[in-house]
Amino acid sequence: MKLEKAYLIKLAIFMFTLLIFLPGIQGIKQEAISYSGVIESIDKDFKFIVVNGARLLISGNIKIVDEKGNVLKMDDLKLKLSVVIEGVRSPDGFFVRKIVITTPNKRP
């Protein structure tokens, strides 16, 4: 009887451990998404920006560059700038990893 209880306890601990660590072991893949548009709004604390009506969350390790690849700062983001956003979708929203400031196409 004691052997059965010990076996059940070990099995329960093993199952609980799997439930906790299995998602991390599987390496849940986040699909990279590219999004382009015009900056409509910038949060004063730079926690998010709004591009074409979509609220995009900004992380601390974001990379901001111009079309030539020059590294820029958060202060270089301004309203009405054309941008290409690269990031990942998560349950909390769209997290931005990279912002490329572009020159809008001029039509003749």
C-alpha atoms as a PDB file:
ATOM      1  CA  MET A   1       0.000   0.000   0.000  1.00  0.00           C
ATOM      2  CA  LYS A   2       2.809   2.405   0.872  1.00  0.00           C
ATOM      3  CA  LEU A   3       4.511   1.535  -2.422  1.00  0.00           C
ATOM      4  CA  GLU A   4       1.376   2.472  -4.381  1.00  0.00           C
ATOM      5  CA  LYS A   5       1.098   5.837  -2.580  1.00  0.00           C
ATOM      6  CA  ALA A   6       4.763   6.601  -3.254  1.00  0.00           C
ATOM      7  CA  TYR A   7       4.289   5.675  -6.922  1.00  0.00           C
ATOM      8  CA  LEU A   8       1.209   7.902  -7.232  1.00  0.00           C
ATOM      9  CA  ILE A   9       2.980  10.829  -5.558  1.00  0.00           C
ATOM     10  CA  LYS A  10       5.981  10.487  -7.900  1.00  0.00           C
ATOM     11  CA  LEU A  11       3.657  10.263 -10.896  1.00  0.00           C
ATOM     12  CA  ALA A  12       1.762  13.381  -9.779  1.00  0.00           C
ATOM     13  CA  ILE A  13       5.016  15.317  -9.326  1.00  0.00           C
ATOM     14  CA  PHE A  14       6.226  14.188 -12.753  1.00  0.00           C
ATOM     15  CA  MET A  15       2.957  15.251 -14.433  1.00  0.00           C
ATOM     16  CA  PHE A  16       2.991  18.608 -12.651  1.00  0.00           C
ATOM     17  CA  THR A  17       6.601  19.183 -13.778  1.00  0.00           C
ATOM     18  CA  LEU A  18       5.647  18.394 -17.377  1.00  0.00           C
ATOM     19  CA  LEU A  19       2.753  20.841 -17.271  1.00  0.00           C
ATOM     20  CA  ILE A  20       5.052  23.604 -16.077  1.00  0.00           C
ATOM     21  CA  PHE A  21       8.081  23.037 -18.293  1.00  0.00           C
ATOM     22  CA  LEU A  22       6.710  21.453 -21.463  1.00  0.00           C
ATOM     23  CA  PRO A  23       5.704  24.715 -23.199  1.00  0.00           C
ATOM     24  CA  GLY A  24       9.254  26.050 -22.729  1.00  0.00           C
ATOM     25  CA  ILE A  25      10.823  22.806 -23.895  1.00  0.00           C
ATOM     26  CA  GLN A  26       8.684  22.767 -27.023  1.00  0.00           C
ATOM     27  CA  GLY A  27      10.025  26.195 -27.930  1.00  0.00           C
ATOM     28  CA  ILE A  28       6.738  27.813 -28.766  1.00  0.00           C
ATOM     29  CA  LYS A  29       7.402  29.560 -32.043  1.00  0.00           C
ATOM     30  CA  GLN A  30       6.421  33.171 -32.508  1.00  0.00           C
ATOM     31  CA  GLU A  31       5.842  34.133 -36.100  1.00  0.00           C
ATOM     32  CA  ALA A  32       7.580  37.328 -37.228  1.00  0.00           C
ATOM     33  CA  ILE A  33       5.240  39.835 -38.842  1.00  0.00           C
ATOM     34  CA  SER A  34       5.990  42.916 -40.912  1.00  0.00           C
ATOM     35  CA  TYR A  35       3.635  45.899 -40.812  1.00  0.00           C
ATOM     36  CA  SER A  36       3.921  49.259 -42.569  1.00  0.00           C
ATOM     37  CA  GLY A  37       2.139  52.569 -42.262  1.00  0.00           C
ATOM     38  CA  VAL A  38       2.256  56.042 -40.757  1.00  0.00           C
ATOM     39  CA  ILE A  39       2.793  56.838 -37.060  1.00  0.00           C
ATOM     40  CA  GLU A  40      -0.442  58.339 -35.728  1.00  0.00           C
ATOM     41  CA  SER A  41       0.351  58.430 -32.015  1.00  0.00           C
ATOM     42  CA  ILE A  42       3.308  57.902 -29.681  1.00  0.00           C
ATOM     43  CA  ASP A  43       2.936  57.151 -25.975  1.00  0.00           C
ATOM     44  CA  LYS A  44       4.762  59.746 -23.876  1.00  0.00           C
ATOM     45  CA  ASP A  45       6.668  56.927 -22.092  1.00  0.00           C
ATOM     46  CA  PHE A  46       7.385  55.123 -25.405  1.00  0.00           C
ATOM     47  CA  LYS A  47       5.520  52.008 -24.278  1.00  0.00           C
ATOM     48  CA  PHE A  48       3.489  51.846 -27.496  1.00  0.00           C
ATOM     49  CA  ILE A  49       2.873  53.579 -30.799  1.00  0.00           C
ATOM     50  CA  VAL A  50      -0.178  53.626 -33.041  1.00  0.00           C
ATOM     51  CA  VAL A  51       0.373  52.930 -36.744  1.00  0.00           C
ATOM     52  CA  ASN A  52      -2.642  52.932 -39.071  1.00  0.00           C
ATOM     53  CA  GLY A  53      -4.979  52.476 -36.116  1.00  0.00           C
ATOM     54  CA  ALA A  54      -3.083  49.497 -34.646  1.00  0.00           C
ATOM     55  CA  ARG A  55      -1.590  49.812 -31.162  1.00  0.00           C
ATOM     56  CA  LEU A  56       1.924  48.320 -31.195  1.00  0.00           C
ATOM     57  CA  LEU A  57       3.807  47.579 -27.960  1.00  0.00           C
ATOM     58  CA  ILE A  58       7.444  48.647 -27.720  1.00  0.00           C
ATOM     59  CA  SER A  59       9.990  46.586 -25.800  1.00  0.00           C
ATOM     60  CA  GLY A  60      13.212  47.821 -24.209  1.00  0.00           C
ATOM     61  CA  ASN A  61      15.447  46.126 -26.775  1.00  0.00           C
ATOM     62  CA  ILE A  62      13.879  47.670 -29.865  1.00  0.00           C
ATOM     63  CA  LYS A  63      16.048  48.575 -32.851  1.00  0.00           C
ATOM     64  CA  ILE A  64      15.232  51.780 -34.717  1.00  0.00           C
ATOM     65  CA  VAL A  65      16.973  52.486 -38.038  1.00  0.00           C
ATOM     66  CA  ASP A  66      16.540  54.552 -41.173  1.00  0.00           C
ATOM     67  CA  GLU A  67      16.507  53.141 -44.706  1.00  0.00           C
ATOM     68  CA  LYS A  68      20.305  53.335 -44.903  1.00  0.00           C
ATOM     69  CA  GLY A  69      20.715  51.307 -41.720  1.00  0.00           C
ATOM     70  CA  ASN A  70      21.771  54.201 -39.477  1.00  0.00           C
ATOM     71  CA  VAL A  71      20.816  53.498 -35.865  1.00  0.00           C
ATOM     72  CA  LEU A  72      18.368  56.034 -34.433  1.00  0.00           C
ATOM     73  CA  LYS A  73      16.947  56.787 -30.982  1.00  0.00           C
ATOM     74  CA  MET A  74      13.387  56.695 -29.659  1.00  0.00           C
ATOM     75  CA  ASP A  75      13.350  60.503 -29.785  1.00  0.00           C
ATOM     76  CA  ASP A  76      13.694  60.266 -33.580  1.00  0.00           C
ATOM     77  CA  LEU A  77      10.193  58.799 -33.825  1.00  0.00           C
ATOM     78  CA  LYS A  78       7.762  61.539 -34.792  1.00  0.00           C
ATOM     79  CA  LEU A  79       4.123  61.716 -35.810  1.00  0.00           C
ATOM     80  CA  LYS A  80       3.337  61.270 -39.511  1.00  0.00           C
ATOM     81  CA  LEU A  81       6.571  59.350 -40.245  1.00  0.00           C
ATOM     82  CA  SER A  82       6.296  56.414 -42.631  1.00  0.00           C
ATOM     83  CA  VAL A  83       7.595  53.247 -40.995  1.00  0.00           C
ATOM     84  CA  VAL A  84       7.993  49.531 -41.546  1.00  0.00           C
ATOM     85  CA  ILE A  85       7.521  47.590 -38.321  1.00  0.00           C
ATOM     86  CA  GLU A  86       8.877  44.113 -37.633  1.00  0.00           C
ATOM     87  CA  GLY A  87       7.678  42.228 -34.593  1.00  0.00           C
ATOM     88  CA  VAL A  88       5.809  39.274 -33.182  1.00  0.00           C
ATOM     89  CA  ARG A  89       2.212  38.709 -32.225  1.00  0.00           C
ATOM     90  CA  SER A  90       1.581  37.509 -28.693  1.00  0.00           C
ATOM     91  CA  PRO A  91      -1.490  37.109 -26.475  1.00  0.00           C
ATOM     92  CA  ASP A  92      -0.761  40.573 -25.039  1.00  0.00           C
ATOM     93  CA  GLY A  93      -0.637  42.257 -28.457  1.00  0.00           C
ATOM     94  CA  PHE A  94       1.900  42.994 -31.175  1.00  0.00           C
ATOM     95  CA  PHE A  95       5.455  43.467 -29.844  1.00  0.00           C
ATOM     96  CA  VAL A  96       7.746  45.602 -32.002  1.00  0.00           C
ATOM     97  CA  ARG A  97      11.323  44.385 -32.444  1.00  0.00           C
ATOM     98  CA  LYS A  98      12.465  46.749 -35.186  1.00  0.00           C
ATOM     99  CA  ILE A  99      11.264  50.017 -36.702  1.00  0.00           C
ATOM    100  CA  VAL A 100      12.589  51.203 -40.057  1.00  0.00           C
ATOM    101  CA  ILE A 101      11.808  54.832 -40.849  1.00  0.00           C
ATOM    102  CA  THR A 102      11.111  55.065 -44.580  1.00  0.00           C
ATOM    103  CA  THR A 103      10.649  57.800 -47.123  1.00  0.00           C
ATOM    104  CA  PRO A 104       7.118  57.751 -48.493  1.00  0.00           C
ATOM    105  CA  ASN A 105       6.853  57.029 -52.202  1.00  0.00           C
ATOM    106  CA  LYS A 106       6.345  60.294 -54.055  1.00  0.00           C
ATOM    107  CA  ARG A 107       3.948  60.127 -56.973  1.00  0.00           C
ATOM    108  CA  PRO A 108       4.397  62.427 -59.988  1.00  0.00           C
END
